[in-house]
Amino acid sequence: MKKKILIIGCGLSGLSAAVTVCENGACALLVSPYTSERAQSVMAAGGMNAALDRQGLGDTPKIHCEDTMKGGAEIADPEAVLAMCEAAPEITLWMERLGTVFSLGEDGRPRQRIMAGHTYPRTVFAGASTGKQLVTALVRRARVLEADGVLERRTNHYFLKLLLDAKGRCGGAILWDELNKEVISLRADAVILASGGQNLIFGKTTGTISCDGTAAAVAFTQGARLKNLEMIQYHPTTIETPSKRMLITEAARGEGGRLYYLEESGKRVYFMEDKYGEKGNLKPRDVVSKEMYLTGKQVYLDITFLGEKKIEERLSEVSKLCKTYIHLDPSKEPIPVVPCIHFFMGGLAVSHNHETTIPNLYAVGECASIYHGANRLGGNSLLAALYSGRVAAKDAVKRSGFAVEDEDRQRDACREEFDGCHSKDSHFPSMYLLNNLSEIMNGKFGIVRNGQDLESGIEDLDFFLQICRKIKFDALIDPYRNYAIKYMLLMGKAILLSAQARQESRGAHNRADYPETDPAFCAASYCTYADGEIRVSFEKDGDHA
């Protein structure tokens, strides 16, 4: 009988893992709340990095690695980063073979543009919808594997708990089957979490609210460690809409876009160029976001000089977003932009094979922390998603499942916890706590933080965690959210505790009360959970689970 690998999450990293599992002789079960076409991965516009050196400038995977380490303020795992960068050219060819149509140059080969923090142009892209094109190619391959009977996809399933044996080893998962309204358990030889970041904890971000951090938080309470949670990236260029922030891709600056603010006289101040020189607009995202914050002004992104034809050819999504949501033509007017939470460098701590501290449990994509350190470079997220899914899958198919003798007891206990969160007689909405959570996280944990705000935020979250233990929620609104909210509050607390413990400024973590970078903190932060308490430590060698 073939081995079965259970994959939670159907975005780019989950799809990559599922396809690789099947191509390495095992069966994959891919479960998620929604279809892959609704995953956050389809929103990625800018492109994917690979040191192909098509322009003959001397780019290499080693230089790609050095740029990534520098961008991450030297706290990522250098061996893992180098392995990812070395694999990038082959991954690009793999995706081409699967049908991804990258934008081509006059020589008929994929064009490459430069993104912030990179030494050379190494970002391949598919118009303004790279993520969508990559997902489409993998979905097409997944459908073939479904027809072959080695891949099964299930939607409307929400992760609740891991199935663990007596020694704490993973042997499957417990899920909420929304269509059939029941809590079920699924056995597997290994489990791969591909559940994304923690967007919903902060409310209005550039990402999808289906990424809520719950799966990682649950695994945390069951024995997995969390890492670098304080490292949360603000993308410098977003626009406001009623429901969320829409991303103006970094490719706009890669194509020459310029940031400025207006003095009272009406004079433009190109603050990034004034401070950092001609390439100031292409500084890493943490630097640009902080500088925008420090101006205290409305900042604008100007791409009008590119002209309508070039904008429509290379930045069509930017044009469409601006015209649709803020009724502005970027070929004629500058774009008003603001920084917004965009990516989570922190997540579940993993080893080089992407296994967590729970044996036979893997984490991939944005829910894992290994490659980005204190700040992710543009174009590295799609690469990390594809690469991590492949790495985890190749290792997972070598594993054999553990006997979970008390599967029924664990499933029943989880069902009792799930059902105990709500009551048909309650009119208290979990949305109330969710709104308070996002207000606390945004109010106490901004681009620039301080110890007083962090301490206040931790106290507020402790208060709402106590409320969670004492009340039941309205059963008619969202049974899964009723279950998830306490884990989201716990993840929020772990984020604030990590930021409180890192008493320095590094990468995306800026402390007003500790403005300097301290060599003593040139290490990863780790969170452990025991006896209801969260403990934060730092490990200098530490980018291994």
Protein backbone atom coordinates (compact mmCIF):
# COMPACT_ATOMS: atom_id res chain seq x y z
CA MET A 1 0.00 0.00 0.00
CA LYS A 2 1.29 3.45 -0.91
CA LYS A 3 2.09 5.93 1.82
CA LYS A 4 -0.38 8.78 2.34
CA ILE A 5 0.68 12.33 3.10
CA LEU A 6 -1.92 14.77 4.42
CA ILE A 7 -1.43 18.39 3.33
CA ILE A 8 -3.32 21.21 5.06
CA GLY A 9 -3.62 24.21 2.73
CA CYS A 10 -3.92 24.41 -1.05
CA GLY A 11 -1.92 27.51 -1.99
CA LEU A 12 1.35 27.41 -3.87
CA SER A 13 3.35 25.61 -1.15
CA GLY A 14 0.58 23.06 -0.55
CA LEU A 15 0.16 22.39 -4.27
CA SER A 16 3.93 22.08 -4.70
CA ALA A 17 4.03 19.57 -1.84
CA ALA A 18 1.06 17.57 -3.14
CA VAL A 19 2.42 17.28 -6.69
CA THR A 20 5.89 16.35 -5.41
CA VAL A 21 4.48 13.70 -3.05
CA CYS A 22 2.71 12.02 -5.95
CA GLU A 23 5.72 12.29 -8.25
CA ASN A 24 7.78 10.52 -5.56
CA GLY A 25 5.59 7.44 -5.33
CA ALA A 26 3.15 8.28 -2.52
CA CYS A 27 -0.47 9.44 -2.34
CA ALA A 28 -1.46 12.97 -1.32
CA LEU A 29 -4.62 14.18 0.38
CA LEU A 30 -4.91 17.96 -0.01
CA VAL A 31 -7.50 19.58 2.28
CA SER A 32 -8.44 23.23 2.68
CA PRO A 33 -11.38 25.55 3.32
CA TYR A 34 -11.38 26.84 -0.26
CA THR A 35 -10.11 25.95 -3.71
CA SER A 36 -6.57 26.78 -4.82
CA GLU A 37 -7.95 29.49 -7.09
CA ARG A 38 -8.93 31.42 -3.94
CA ALA A 39 -5.59 30.98 -2.17
CA GLN A 40 -3.49 34.01 -1.30
CA SER A 41 -0.81 32.79 -3.70
CA VAL A 42 -2.84 33.96 -6.70
CA MET A 43 -2.50 37.56 -5.44
CA ALA A 44 1.30 37.63 -5.81
CA ALA A 45 2.11 39.93 -8.70
CA GLY A 46 5.78 40.88 -8.75
CA GLY A 47 7.53 37.65 -9.69
CA MET A 48 9.87 34.89 -8.53
CA ASN A 49 13.62 35.11 -8.07
CA ALA A 50 16.19 32.87 -9.75
CA ALA A 51 19.83 33.67 -10.56
CA LEU A 52 19.57 32.69 -14.22
CA ASP A 53 21.91 35.51 -15.30
CA ARG A 54 20.19 35.75 -18.65
CA GLN A 55 21.63 39.25 -19.08
CA GLY A 56 25.22 38.12 -18.53
CA LEU A 57 25.82 40.44 -15.56
CA GLY A 58 27.51 37.81 -13.40
CA ASP A 59 24.61 36.85 -11.14
CA THR A 60 24.93 33.57 -9.22
CA PRO A 61 22.94 31.67 -6.57
CA LYS A 62 25.68 32.63 -4.09
CA ILE A 63 25.05 36.33 -4.71
CA HIS A 64 21.30 35.69 -4.47
CA CYS A 65 21.95 34.05 -1.10
CA GLU A 66 24.11 36.96 0.08
CA ASP A 67 21.39 39.46 -0.88
CA THR A 68 18.77 37.38 0.96
CA MET A 69 20.90 37.11 4.10
CA LYS A 70 21.65 40.84 4.06
CA GLY A 71 18.00 41.69 3.51
CA GLY A 72 17.08 39.43 6.44
CA ALA A 73 19.58 41.20 8.73
CA GLU A 74 21.73 38.06 8.97
CA ILE A 75 19.39 35.97 11.18
CA ALA A 76 18.13 33.55 8.52
CA ASP A 77 19.69 30.10 8.15
CA PRO A 78 22.55 30.59 5.62
CA GLU A 79 22.77 26.92 4.62
CA ALA A 80 19.05 26.71 3.99
CA VAL A 81 19.00 30.01 2.10
CA LEU A 82 21.86 28.93 -0.15
CA ALA A 83 20.14 25.61 -0.90
CA MET A 84 16.96 27.48 -1.89
CA CYS A 85 18.86 29.92 -4.11
CA GLU A 86 20.77 27.08 -5.79
CA ALA A 87 17.48 25.30 -6.51
CA ALA A 88 15.80 28.40 -7.96
CA PRO A 89 16.91 27.99 -11.61
CA GLU A 90 15.69 24.37 -11.72
CA ILE A 91 12.39 25.36 -10.05
CA THR A 92 11.89 28.00 -12.74
CA LEU A 93 12.40 25.36 -15.45
CA TRP A 94 10.05 22.98 -13.58
CA MET A 95 7.29 25.58 -13.58
CA GLU A 96 7.89 26.31 -17.27
CA ARG A 97 7.56 22.59 -18.04
CA LEU A 98 4.28 22.54 -16.09
CA GLY A 99 2.93 25.29 -18.32
CA THR A 100 3.71 28.61 -16.63
CA VAL A 101 3.96 31.31 -19.28
CA PHE A 102 6.52 33.84 -18.10
CA SER A 103 6.84 37.23 -19.79
CA LEU A 104 9.44 36.89 -22.54
CA GLY A 105 12.13 39.19 -23.86
CA GLU A 106 13.09 39.73 -27.48
CA ASP A 107 15.31 36.62 -27.30
CA GLY A 108 12.27 34.47 -26.49
CA ARG A 109 13.44 33.73 -22.96
CA PRO A 110 11.84 34.90 -19.67
CA ARG A 111 12.54 38.54 -18.89
CA GLN A 112 14.04 39.35 -15.50
CA ARG A 113 13.60 42.60 -13.62
CA ILE A 114 15.18 43.91 -10.46
CA MET A 115 13.36 43.99 -7.14
CA ALA A 116 14.27 45.88 -3.98
CA GLY A 117 17.35 44.62 -2.16
CA HIS A 118 18.72 42.59 -5.07
CA THR A 119 22.09 43.18 -6.71
CA TYR A 120 20.98 42.07 -10.17
CA PRO A 121 17.73 41.67 -12.15
CA ARG A 122 16.73 38.09 -11.24
CA THR A 123 12.94 38.21 -10.96
CA VAL A 124 11.03 36.24 -13.60
CA PHE A 125 7.39 37.24 -13.91
CA ALA A 126 4.19 36.55 -15.78
CA GLY A 127 2.78 39.97 -16.52
CA ALA A 128 1.22 41.25 -13.32
CA SER A 129 -0.19 37.88 -12.25
CA THR A 130 2.80 35.63 -11.56
CA GLY A 131 1.24 33.91 -8.56
CA LYS A 132 -1.94 33.15 -10.48
CA GLN A 133 0.01 31.67 -13.38
CA LEU A 134 2.08 29.45 -11.08
CA VAL A 135 -1.01 28.24 -9.22
CA THR A 136 -2.81 27.54 -12.51
CA ALA A 137 0.09 25.41 -13.76
CA LEU A 138 0.18 23.35 -10.55
CA VAL A 139 -3.63 22.94 -10.46
CA ARG A 140 -3.48 21.62 -14.01
CA ARG A 141 -0.87 19.06 -12.92
CA ALA A 142 -2.88 18.20 -9.80
CA ARG A 143 -5.93 17.38 -11.90
CA VAL A 144 -3.90 14.89 -13.91
CA LEU A 145 -2.71 13.25 -10.70
CA GLU A 146 -6.31 13.15 -9.46
CA ALA A 147 -7.29 11.30 -12.62
CA ASP A 148 -4.44 8.88 -11.93
CA GLY A 149 -5.90 8.20 -8.47
CA VAL A 150 -2.87 9.31 -6.44
CA LEU A 151 -4.09 12.76 -5.40
CA GLU A 152 -7.33 13.63 -3.63
CA ARG A 153 -8.49 17.20 -3.03
CA ARG A 154 -11.10 18.14 -0.44
CA THR A 155 -12.43 21.65 0.18
CA ASN A 156 -14.64 22.97 3.01
CA HIS A 157 -12.35 21.35 5.59
CA TYR A 158 -10.83 23.36 8.44
CA PHE A 159 -7.89 22.19 10.53
CA LEU A 160 -8.64 21.77 14.25
CA LYS A 161 -5.96 19.59 15.87
CA LEU A 162 -3.08 17.22 15.20
CA LEU A 163 -3.45 13.52 15.91
CA LEU A 164 -0.50 12.62 18.15
CA ASP A 165 0.71 9.29 19.51
CA ALA A 166 1.76 8.72 23.12
CA LYS A 167 5.23 10.11 22.38
CA GLY A 168 3.95 13.31 20.77
CA ARG A 169 4.56 12.21 17.17
CA CYS A 170 2.16 13.26 14.43
CA GLY A 171 -0.01 10.60 12.81
CA GLY A 172 -2.75 12.67 11.19
CA ALA A 173 -5.15 15.52 11.87
CA ILE A 174 -8.63 16.36 13.12
CA LEU A 175 -10.74 18.65 10.93
CA TRP A 176 -14.11 20.38 10.76
CA ASP A 177 -16.05 19.20 7.71
CA GLU A 178 -18.20 22.27 7.09
CA LEU A 179 -20.48 20.68 4.49
CA ASN A 180 -21.41 17.68 6.64
CA LYS A 181 -21.21 19.65 9.91
CA GLU A 182 -18.99 17.11 11.65
CA VAL A 183 -15.58 16.79 13.27
CA ILE A 184 -13.55 14.08 11.53
CA SER A 185 -10.09 12.56 11.88
CA LEU A 186 -7.73 11.60 9.06
CA ARG A 187 -4.72 9.31 9.50
CA ALA A 188 -1.54 9.85 7.51
CA ASP A 189 2.10 8.83 7.38
CA ALA A 190 3.03 12.50 7.70
CA VAL A 191 1.28 15.88 7.80
CA ILE A 192 2.39 19.03 5.97
CA LEU A 193 0.97 22.36 7.16
CA ALA A 194 0.72 24.91 4.35
CA SER A 195 -1.74 27.20 6.10
CA GLY A 196 -0.24 30.62 5.32
CA GLY A 197 0.39 33.60 7.57
CA GLN A 198 -1.60 35.41 10.24
CA ASN A 199 -3.47 38.08 8.27
CA LEU A 200 -6.81 37.93 10.07
CA ILE A 201 -5.15 38.62 13.42
CA PHE A 202 -4.44 42.13 12.10
CA GLY A 203 -7.71 42.58 10.22
CA LYS A 204 -7.16 44.76 7.15
CA THR A 205 -3.93 43.65 5.43
CA THR A 206 -2.88 42.99 1.84
CA GLY A 207 -3.55 39.27 2.30
CA THR A 208 -6.55 37.01 2.52
CA ILE A 209 -8.48 36.69 5.78
CA SER A 210 -8.63 32.92 5.29
CA CYS A 211 -5.03 32.94 6.57
CA ASP A 212 -5.70 33.38 10.29
CA GLY A 213 -2.70 31.79 12.04
CA THR A 214 -4.87 29.22 13.80
CA ALA A 215 -3.20 26.07 12.46
CA ALA A 216 0.25 27.25 13.55
CA ALA A 217 -1.11 28.35 16.94
CA VAL A 218 -2.75 24.97 17.53
CA ALA A 219 0.46 23.14 16.60
CA PHE A 220 2.25 25.51 19.02
CA THR A 221 0.03 24.37 21.90
CA GLN A 222 0.68 20.75 20.90
CA GLY A 223 4.48 21.01 21.05
CA ALA A 224 5.78 22.85 17.95
CA ARG A 225 8.02 25.89 18.39
CA LEU A 226 7.37 29.28 16.82
CA LYS A 227 10.13 31.49 15.51
CA ASN A 228 10.80 35.18 14.67
CA LEU A 229 7.17 36.20 15.20
CA GLU A 230 8.12 39.84 15.73
CA MET A 231 9.37 40.02 12.15
CA ILE A 232 6.31 41.17 10.21
CA GLN A 233 6.78 42.98 6.94
CA TYR A 234 4.96 46.16 6.03
CA HIS A 235 4.75 46.59 2.29
CA PRO A 236 5.42 50.27 1.61
CA THR A 237 3.03 50.73 -1.31
CA THR A 238 -0.62 49.86 -0.81
CA ILE A 239 -3.90 51.68 -1.48
CA GLU A 240 -6.96 51.80 0.77
CA THR A 241 -10.27 50.13 -0.16
CA PRO A 242 -13.37 49.62 2.00
CA SER A 243 -12.59 45.97 2.76
CA LYS A 244 -8.78 45.69 2.65
CA ARG A 245 -5.53 47.18 1.45
CA MET A 246 -4.65 46.49 -2.17
CA LEU A 247 -1.01 45.93 -3.05
CA ILE A 248 0.79 48.14 -5.54
CA THR A 249 3.47 45.68 -6.58
CA GLU A 250 7.12 46.38 -5.90
CA ALA A 251 7.64 45.85 -9.61
CA ALA A 252 6.39 49.41 -10.05
CA ARG A 253 9.54 50.62 -8.29
CA GLY A 254 11.55 47.97 -10.12
CA GLU A 255 10.44 49.62 -13.36
CA GLY A 256 11.65 53.00 -12.06
CA GLY A 257 8.79 54.25 -9.89
CA ARG A 258 9.73 57.13 -7.53
CA LEU A 259 8.46 57.87 -4.02
CA TYR A 260 7.98 61.43 -2.82
CA TYR A 261 5.99 63.67 -0.50
CA LEU A 262 4.95 67.30 -0.88
CA GLU A 263 6.26 70.22 1.13
CA GLU A 264 3.79 72.95 2.07
CA SER A 265 5.08 74.92 -0.90
CA GLY A 266 4.04 72.09 -3.18
CA LYS A 267 7.62 71.05 -3.93
CA ARG A 268 8.22 67.33 -4.34
CA VAL A 269 10.69 65.74 -1.92
CA TYR A 270 12.12 62.46 -3.23
CA PHE A 271 13.09 61.38 0.28
CA MET A 272 14.41 57.91 -0.52
CA GLU A 273 16.71 59.24 -3.25
CA ASP A 274 17.82 62.16 -1.06
CA LYS A 275 18.86 59.80 1.72
CA TYR A 276 20.06 56.71 -0.15
CA GLY A 277 21.01 57.90 -3.61
CA GLU A 278 19.75 57.06 -7.08
CA LYS A 279 18.60 53.55 -6.13
CA GLY A 280 16.95 54.65 -2.90
CA ASN A 281 13.49 53.62 -4.09
CA LEU A 282 14.74 50.04 -4.34
CA LYS A 283 15.80 49.72 -0.72
CA PRO A 284 14.30 46.67 1.08
CA ARG A 285 10.71 46.98 2.22
CA ASP A 286 11.49 47.39 5.91
CA VAL A 287 13.71 50.38 5.15
CA VAL A 288 11.22 52.05 2.81
CA SER A 289 8.26 51.52 5.15
CA LYS A 290 10.15 52.99 8.10
CA GLU A 291 11.27 56.02 6.09
CA MET A 292 7.70 56.61 4.89
CA TYR A 293 6.48 56.42 8.49
CA LEU A 294 9.12 58.91 9.63
CA THR A 295 8.08 61.51 7.03
CA GLY A 296 4.74 61.95 8.75
CA LYS A 297 3.38 62.87 5.30
CA GLN A 298 1.19 61.37 2.62
CA VAL A 299 3.60 59.64 0.25
CA TYR A 300 3.05 59.26 -3.50
CA LEU A 301 4.41 56.77 -6.02
CA ASP A 302 5.01 58.26 -9.46
CA ILE A 303 5.10 56.03 -12.53
CA THR A 304 3.54 58.53 -14.96
CA PHE A 305 6.83 58.93 -16.86
CA LEU A 306 6.59 55.29 -18.01
CA GLY A 307 3.66 56.20 -20.22
CA GLU A 308 0.35 54.43 -20.74
CA LYS A 309 1.65 51.79 -23.15
CA LYS A 310 4.49 50.56 -20.94
CA ILE A 311 2.29 50.61 -17.83
CA GLU A 312 -0.33 48.48 -19.57
CA GLU A 313 2.34 46.08 -20.84
CA ARG A 314 4.33 45.65 -17.62
CA LEU A 315 2.13 46.89 -14.78
CA SER A 316 -1.40 46.25 -15.99
CA GLU A 317 -2.58 45.15 -12.54
CA VAL A 318 -1.41 48.43 -11.01
CA SER A 319 -3.39 50.33 -13.63
CA LYS A 320 -6.48 48.20 -13.07
CA LEU A 321 -6.35 48.47 -9.26
CA CYS A 322 -5.93 52.24 -9.33
CA LYS A 323 -8.71 52.79 -11.84
CA THR A 324 -11.11 50.39 -10.11
CA TYR A 325 -10.60 51.23 -6.45
CA ILE A 326 -9.41 54.86 -6.27
CA HIS A 327 -10.54 56.10 -9.72
CA LEU A 328 -7.05 57.21 -10.68
CA ASP A 329 -5.11 56.74 -13.91
CA PRO A 330 -1.46 56.04 -12.89
CA SER A 331 -0.25 57.09 -16.35
CA LYS A 332 -1.52 60.61 -15.60
CA GLU A 333 -1.44 60.99 -11.79
CA PRO A 334 0.85 59.79 -8.96
CA ILE A 335 -0.55 57.10 -6.67
CA PRO A 336 -1.15 57.90 -2.95
CA VAL A 337 0.37 54.96 -1.05
CA VAL A 338 0.67 53.84 2.58
CA PRO A 339 2.56 50.97 4.26
CA CYS A 340 0.49 47.96 5.32
CA ILE A 341 1.15 44.54 6.83
CA HIS A 342 1.98 42.21 3.97
CA PHE A 343 4.10 39.20 4.94
CA PHE A 344 5.00 37.19 8.03
CA MET A 345 8.65 36.18 8.22
CA GLY A 346 7.89 34.39 11.49
CA GLY A 347 6.05 31.10 11.84
CA LEU A 348 6.67 27.51 12.81
CA ALA A 349 10.34 26.70 13.36
CA VAL A 350 11.53 24.04 10.92
CA SER A 351 14.72 22.13 10.17
CA HIS A 352 16.32 21.95 6.72
CA ASN A 353 13.83 19.26 5.67
CA HIS A 354 10.97 21.48 6.93
CA GLU A 355 10.07 19.20 9.82
CA THR A 356 8.83 20.98 12.94
CA THR A 357 9.71 20.00 16.51
CA ILE A 358 6.78 17.55 16.32
CA PRO A 359 8.07 14.44 14.50
CA ASN A 360 6.34 13.79 11.14
CA LEU A 361 4.79 17.27 11.12
CA TYR A 362 6.14 19.60 8.43
CA ALA A 363 5.47 23.28 7.77
CA VAL A 364 5.93 25.02 4.41
CA GLY A 365 5.29 28.37 2.80
CA GLU A 366 4.43 31.40 4.90
CA CYS A 367 3.48 29.40 8.00
CA ALA A 368 7.13 28.26 8.29
CA SER A 369 10.12 30.40 9.30
CA ILE A 370 13.57 29.65 7.89
CA TYR A 371 14.58 31.67 4.79
CA HIS A 372 13.62 35.30 5.33
CA GLY A 373 15.12 36.24 8.69
CA ALA A 374 14.18 39.77 9.77
CA ASN A 375 12.87 40.90 6.37
CA ARG A 376 11.85 39.15 3.15
CA LEU A 377 13.11 40.38 -0.19
CA GLY A 378 10.55 40.80 -2.95
CA GLY A 379 10.37 37.79 -5.28
CA ASN A 380 11.56 35.35 -2.63
CA SER A 381 8.12 34.35 -1.30
CA LEU A 382 6.97 32.50 -4.42
CA LEU A 383 10.35 30.80 -4.64
CA ALA A 384 10.25 29.79 -0.95
CA ALA A 385 6.70 28.47 -1.32
CA LEU A 386 7.56 26.22 -4.25
CA TYR A 387 10.92 25.14 -2.83
CA SER A 388 9.68 24.40 0.70
CA GLY A 389 6.78 22.33 -0.58
CA ARG A 390 9.15 20.19 -2.64
CA VAL A 391 11.68 19.77 0.19
CA ALA A 392 9.06 18.75 2.75
CA ALA A 393 7.33 16.37 0.35
CA LYS A 394 10.55 14.55 -0.61
CA ASP A 395 11.31 13.94 3.06
CA ALA A 396 7.74 13.14 4.10
CA VAL A 397 7.39 10.27 1.62
CA LYS A 398 10.27 8.51 3.42
CA ARG A 399 8.32 8.42 6.69
CA SER A 400 6.03 5.77 8.07
CA GLY A 401 3.05 6.75 10.19
CA PHE A 402 2.88 6.27 13.94
CA ALA A 403 0.13 4.21 15.52
CA VAL A 404 -2.32 6.58 17.22
CA GLU A 405 -3.98 4.16 19.61
CA ASP A 406 -6.49 6.65 21.03
CA GLU A 407 -7.65 8.31 17.81
CA ASP A 408 -11.31 8.10 18.82
CA ARG A 409 -10.61 9.70 22.21
CA GLN A 410 -8.64 12.56 20.63
CA ARG A 411 -11.35 13.18 18.04
CA ASP A 412 -14.08 13.12 20.68
CA ALA A 413 -12.13 15.50 22.92
CA CYS A 414 -11.64 17.88 20.00
CA ARG A 415 -15.32 17.66 19.10
CA GLU A 416 -16.20 18.50 22.71
CA GLU A 417 -13.87 21.53 22.59
CA PHE A 418 -15.30 22.62 19.23
CA ASP A 419 -18.93 22.26 20.32
CA GLY A 420 -18.19 23.82 23.69
CA CYS A 421 -17.20 27.13 22.12
CA HIS A 422 -20.73 28.11 21.15
CA SER A 423 -24.37 27.70 22.11
CA LYS A 424 -27.66 28.27 20.32
CA ASP A 425 -28.76 30.28 23.36
CA SER A 426 -25.82 32.72 23.12
CA HIS A 427 -25.96 36.00 21.22
CA PHE A 428 -22.31 36.93 21.90
CA PRO A 429 -20.42 37.11 18.56
CA SER A 430 -16.82 35.99 18.30
CA MET A 431 -16.45 38.91 15.86
CA TYR A 432 -16.40 41.22 18.91
CA LEU A 433 -13.20 39.60 20.16
CA LEU A 434 -11.77 39.45 16.64
CA ASN A 435 -12.27 43.20 16.20
CA ASN A 436 -10.63 43.87 19.56
CA LEU A 437 -7.73 41.61 18.63
CA SER A 438 -7.03 43.48 15.39
CA GLU A 439 -7.33 46.86 17.16
CA ILE A 440 -4.80 45.78 19.80
CA MET A 441 -2.35 44.35 17.27
CA ASN A 442 -2.48 47.38 14.98
CA GLY A 443 -2.46 49.87 17.84
CA LYS A 444 0.33 48.32 19.91
CA PHE A 445 2.45 46.72 17.21
CA GLY A 446 3.05 49.16 14.37
CA ILE A 447 5.98 49.92 12.12
CA VAL A 448 7.78 51.46 15.13
CA ARG A 449 7.12 49.85 18.54
CA ASN A 450 7.92 50.60 22.16
CA GLY A 451 7.99 48.59 25.35
CA GLN A 452 5.11 50.42 27.01
CA ASP A 453 2.69 49.75 24.15
CA LEU A 454 3.78 46.12 23.89
CA GLU A 455 3.21 45.55 27.61
CA SER A 456 -0.19 47.20 27.40
CA GLY A 457 -1.12 45.03 24.40
CA ILE A 458 -0.09 41.85 26.23
CA GLU A 459 -2.27 42.80 29.19
CA ASP A 460 -5.23 43.48 26.89
CA LEU A 461 -4.84 40.11 25.16
CA ASP A 462 -4.64 38.33 28.53
CA PHE A 463 -7.96 39.96 29.43
CA PHE A 464 -9.65 38.73 26.26
CA LEU A 465 -8.13 35.26 26.64
CA GLN A 466 -9.82 35.10 30.04
CA ILE A 467 -13.12 36.09 28.42
CA CYS A 468 -12.73 33.24 25.91
CA ARG A 469 -12.50 30.72 28.73
CA LYS A 470 -15.70 31.93 30.38
CA ILE A 471 -18.23 32.52 27.59
CA LYS A 472 -19.88 30.77 24.68
CA PHE A 473 -20.38 32.37 21.28
CA ASP A 474 -23.34 32.65 18.94
CA ALA A 475 -23.60 29.25 17.24
CA LEU A 476 -25.22 30.64 14.08
CA ILE A 477 -22.50 33.05 12.99
CA ASP A 478 -19.36 30.96 12.37
CA PRO A 479 -18.69 27.77 14.38
CA TYR A 480 -15.09 27.54 13.15
CA ARG A 481 -14.30 31.16 14.09
CA ASN A 482 -15.75 30.51 17.55
CA TYR A 483 -13.18 27.74 17.92
CA ALA A 484 -10.31 29.63 16.31
CA ILE A 485 -10.50 32.96 18.16
CA LYS A 486 -8.72 31.78 21.32
CA TYR A 487 -5.83 30.43 19.25
CA MET A 488 -5.64 33.68 17.31
CA LEU A 489 -5.50 35.61 20.60
CA LEU A 490 -2.72 33.28 21.76
CA MET A 491 -0.76 33.85 18.54
CA GLY A 492 -1.19 37.59 18.98
CA LYS A 493 0.22 37.35 22.49
CA ALA A 494 3.20 35.31 21.26
CA ILE A 495 3.90 37.99 18.63
CA LEU A 496 3.87 40.79 21.21
CA LEU A 497 5.99 38.81 23.67
CA SER A 498 8.57 38.17 20.94
CA ALA A 499 8.67 41.88 20.08
CA GLN A 500 8.98 42.75 23.78
CA ALA A 501 11.89 40.34 24.22
CA ARG A 502 13.88 41.62 21.22
CA GLN A 503 15.28 44.81 22.74
CA GLU A 504 16.87 46.19 19.59
CA SER A 505 15.93 47.36 16.10
CA ARG A 506 16.65 44.87 13.30
CA GLY A 507 15.04 44.44 9.88
CA ALA A 508 11.27 44.79 10.12
CA HIS A 509 11.44 45.10 13.93
CA ASN A 510 11.84 48.74 14.97
CA ARG A 511 11.88 49.72 18.66
CA ALA A 512 11.71 53.44 19.48
CA ASP A 513 13.17 52.66 22.92
CA TYR A 514 15.95 50.47 21.45
CA PRO A 515 16.76 52.17 18.12
CA GLU A 516 20.14 50.51 17.56
CA THR A 517 20.94 47.04 16.24
CA ASP A 518 22.51 44.99 19.04
CA PRO A 519 24.96 42.19 18.09
CA ALA A 520 23.73 40.28 21.16
CA PHE A 521 20.40 39.81 19.35
CA CYS A 522 21.87 38.58 16.06
CA ALA A 523 19.86 35.42 16.55
CA ALA A 524 16.44 33.98 15.95
CA SER A 525 13.72 34.32 18.58
CA TYR A 526 11.89 31.14 19.59
CA CYS A 527 8.60 30.69 21.43
CA THR A 528 7.74 27.57 23.40
CA TYR A 529 4.43 26.76 25.09
CA ALA A 530 4.20 24.81 28.33
CA ASP A 531 1.72 24.76 31.21
CA GLY A 532 -0.29 27.54 29.60
CA GLU A 533 2.71 29.89 29.46
CA ILE A 534 4.67 31.27 26.51
CA ARG A 535 8.43 31.55 26.86
CA VAL A 536 10.72 33.45 24.48
CA SER A 537 14.40 32.66 23.98
CA PHE A 538 17.14 33.50 21.45
CA GLU A 539 19.49 31.05 19.76
CA LYS A 540 22.53 32.35 17.92
CA ASP A 541 23.11 29.15 15.95
CA GLY A 542 19.45 28.90 15.82
CA ASP A 543 17.70 28.59 12.62
CA HIS A 544 16.99 24.94 13.16
CA ALA A 545 13.84 23.64 14.83
